[in-house]
């Protein structure tokens, strides 16, 4: 499996630049096989490229979610939010200490 470097002579993706950081990860066998299939099918340059793209996609999703949250927060009725928070805090204050 290309995910693991050989003990004697590590093999590196020729497309990797010196600016990248080398890390060691453990993935589920099915995910490793999937990454290998993408490479064999020519849909990715390397397993490293598959992982890098997956992390990039997750980062883009997280960034977009933060943008959407910020946009929603800008549209929020601050007085209504304050009333709702006060209501939640009043309910929490009535809970037994062991549940707070």
Protein backbone atom coordinates (compact mmCIF):
# COMPACT_ATOMS: atom_id res chain seq x y z
CA UNK A 1 0.00 0.00 0.00
CA UNK A 2 1.40 3.39 -0.97
CA UNK A 3 0.03 5.06 2.16
CA UNK A 4 2.89 3.66 4.19
CA UNK A 5 6.46 4.69 3.42
CA UNK A 6 8.95 1.84 3.10
CA UNK A 7 11.22 1.35 6.08
CA UNK A 8 14.43 1.67 4.13
CA UNK A 9 13.70 4.22 1.45
CA UNK A 10 10.67 6.49 1.85
CA UNK A 11 8.89 7.26 -1.39
CA UNK A 12 7.46 10.73 -1.77
CA UNK A 13 4.92 12.07 -4.18
CA UNK A 14 6.98 13.83 -6.88
CA UNK A 15 4.34 16.57 -6.90
CA UNK A 16 4.93 17.37 -3.23
CA UNK A 17 6.67 20.64 -2.68
CA UNK A 18 9.07 21.54 0.10
CA UNK A 19 6.39 23.88 1.44
CA UNK A 20 4.16 21.00 2.51
CA UNK A 21 4.30 19.38 5.93
CA UNK A 22 4.72 15.64 6.16
CA UNK A 23 2.35 13.98 8.62
CA UNK A 24 1.52 10.40 9.50
CA UNK A 25 -2.14 9.44 9.70
CA UNK A 26 -4.10 6.26 10.22
CA UNK A 27 -7.22 5.79 8.12
CA UNK A 28 -9.88 3.12 7.84
CA UNK A 29 -8.95 0.39 5.34
CA UNK A 30 -11.95 1.28 3.16
CA UNK A 31 -10.80 4.91 2.96
CA UNK A 32 -7.26 3.86 2.05
CA UNK A 33 -8.62 1.56 -0.67
CA UNK A 34 -10.84 4.35 -1.97
CA UNK A 35 -7.90 6.75 -2.18
CA UNK A 36 -5.84 4.13 -4.00
CA UNK A 37 -8.70 3.55 -6.49
CA UNK A 38 -8.87 7.29 -7.20
CA UNK A 39 -5.15 7.32 -7.96
CA UNK A 40 -5.32 4.18 -10.13
CA UNK A 41 -8.28 5.61 -12.04
CA UNK A 42 -6.33 8.80 -12.73
CA UNK A 43 -8.76 10.91 -10.69
CA UNK A 44 -5.99 11.95 -8.28
CA UNK A 45 -2.25 12.36 -8.60
CA UNK A 46 -1.49 10.62 -5.31
CA UNK A 47 -3.01 9.45 -2.05
CA UNK A 48 -1.56 12.60 -0.51
CA UNK A 49 -3.49 14.65 -3.07
CA UNK A 50 -6.70 12.81 -2.13
CA UNK A 51 -6.19 13.57 1.56
CA UNK A 52 -5.21 17.18 0.84
CA UNK A 53 -8.33 17.70 -1.29
CA UNK A 54 -10.57 16.13 1.36
CA UNK A 55 -9.14 18.43 4.03
CA UNK A 56 -9.51 21.39 1.71
CA UNK A 57 -13.16 20.52 1.08
CA UNK A 58 -13.81 20.25 4.82
CA UNK A 59 -12.11 23.58 5.37
CA UNK A 60 -14.23 25.22 2.65
CA UNK A 61 -17.42 23.76 4.18
CA UNK A 62 -16.45 25.05 7.63
CA UNK A 63 -15.63 28.49 6.24
CA UNK A 64 -18.95 28.66 4.39
CA UNK A 65 -20.85 27.58 7.51
CA UNK A 66 -19.15 30.38 9.49
CA UNK A 67 -20.08 32.87 6.75
CA UNK A 68 -23.72 31.75 6.81
CA UNK A 69 -23.80 31.96 10.60
CA UNK A 70 -22.34 35.48 10.53
CA UNK A 71 -24.89 36.54 7.90
CA UNK A 72 -27.74 35.13 9.99
CA UNK A 73 -26.38 36.84 13.10
CA UNK A 74 -26.37 40.18 11.26
CA UNK A 75 -30.08 39.75 10.42
CA UNK A 76 -31.06 38.67 13.95
CA UNK A 77 -33.42 40.78 16.02
CA UNK A 78 -31.10 41.50 18.95
CA UNK A 79 -33.99 42.33 21.31
CA UNK A 80 -35.68 39.02 20.53
CA UNK A 81 -32.40 37.13 21.03
CA UNK A 82 -31.93 38.87 24.41
CA UNK A 83 -35.46 37.87 25.46
CA UNK A 84 -34.88 34.28 24.40
CA UNK A 85 -31.56 34.10 26.27
CA UNK A 86 -33.18 35.56 29.40
CA UNK A 87 -35.91 32.92 29.16
CA UNK A 88 -33.36 30.09 28.80
CA UNK A 89 -31.27 31.44 31.68
CA UNK A 90 -34.40 31.68 33.90
CA UNK A 91 -35.26 28.06 33.10
CA UNK A 92 -31.69 26.95 33.80
CA UNK A 93 -31.72 28.76 37.15
CA UNK A 94 -34.72 26.64 38.20
CA UNK A 95 -32.90 23.37 37.50
CA UNK A 96 -31.40 21.45 40.40
CA UNK A 97 -27.69 22.19 40.80
CA UNK A 98 -26.78 18.66 39.68
CA UNK A 99 -28.33 19.36 36.24
CA UNK A 100 -26.68 22.70 35.57
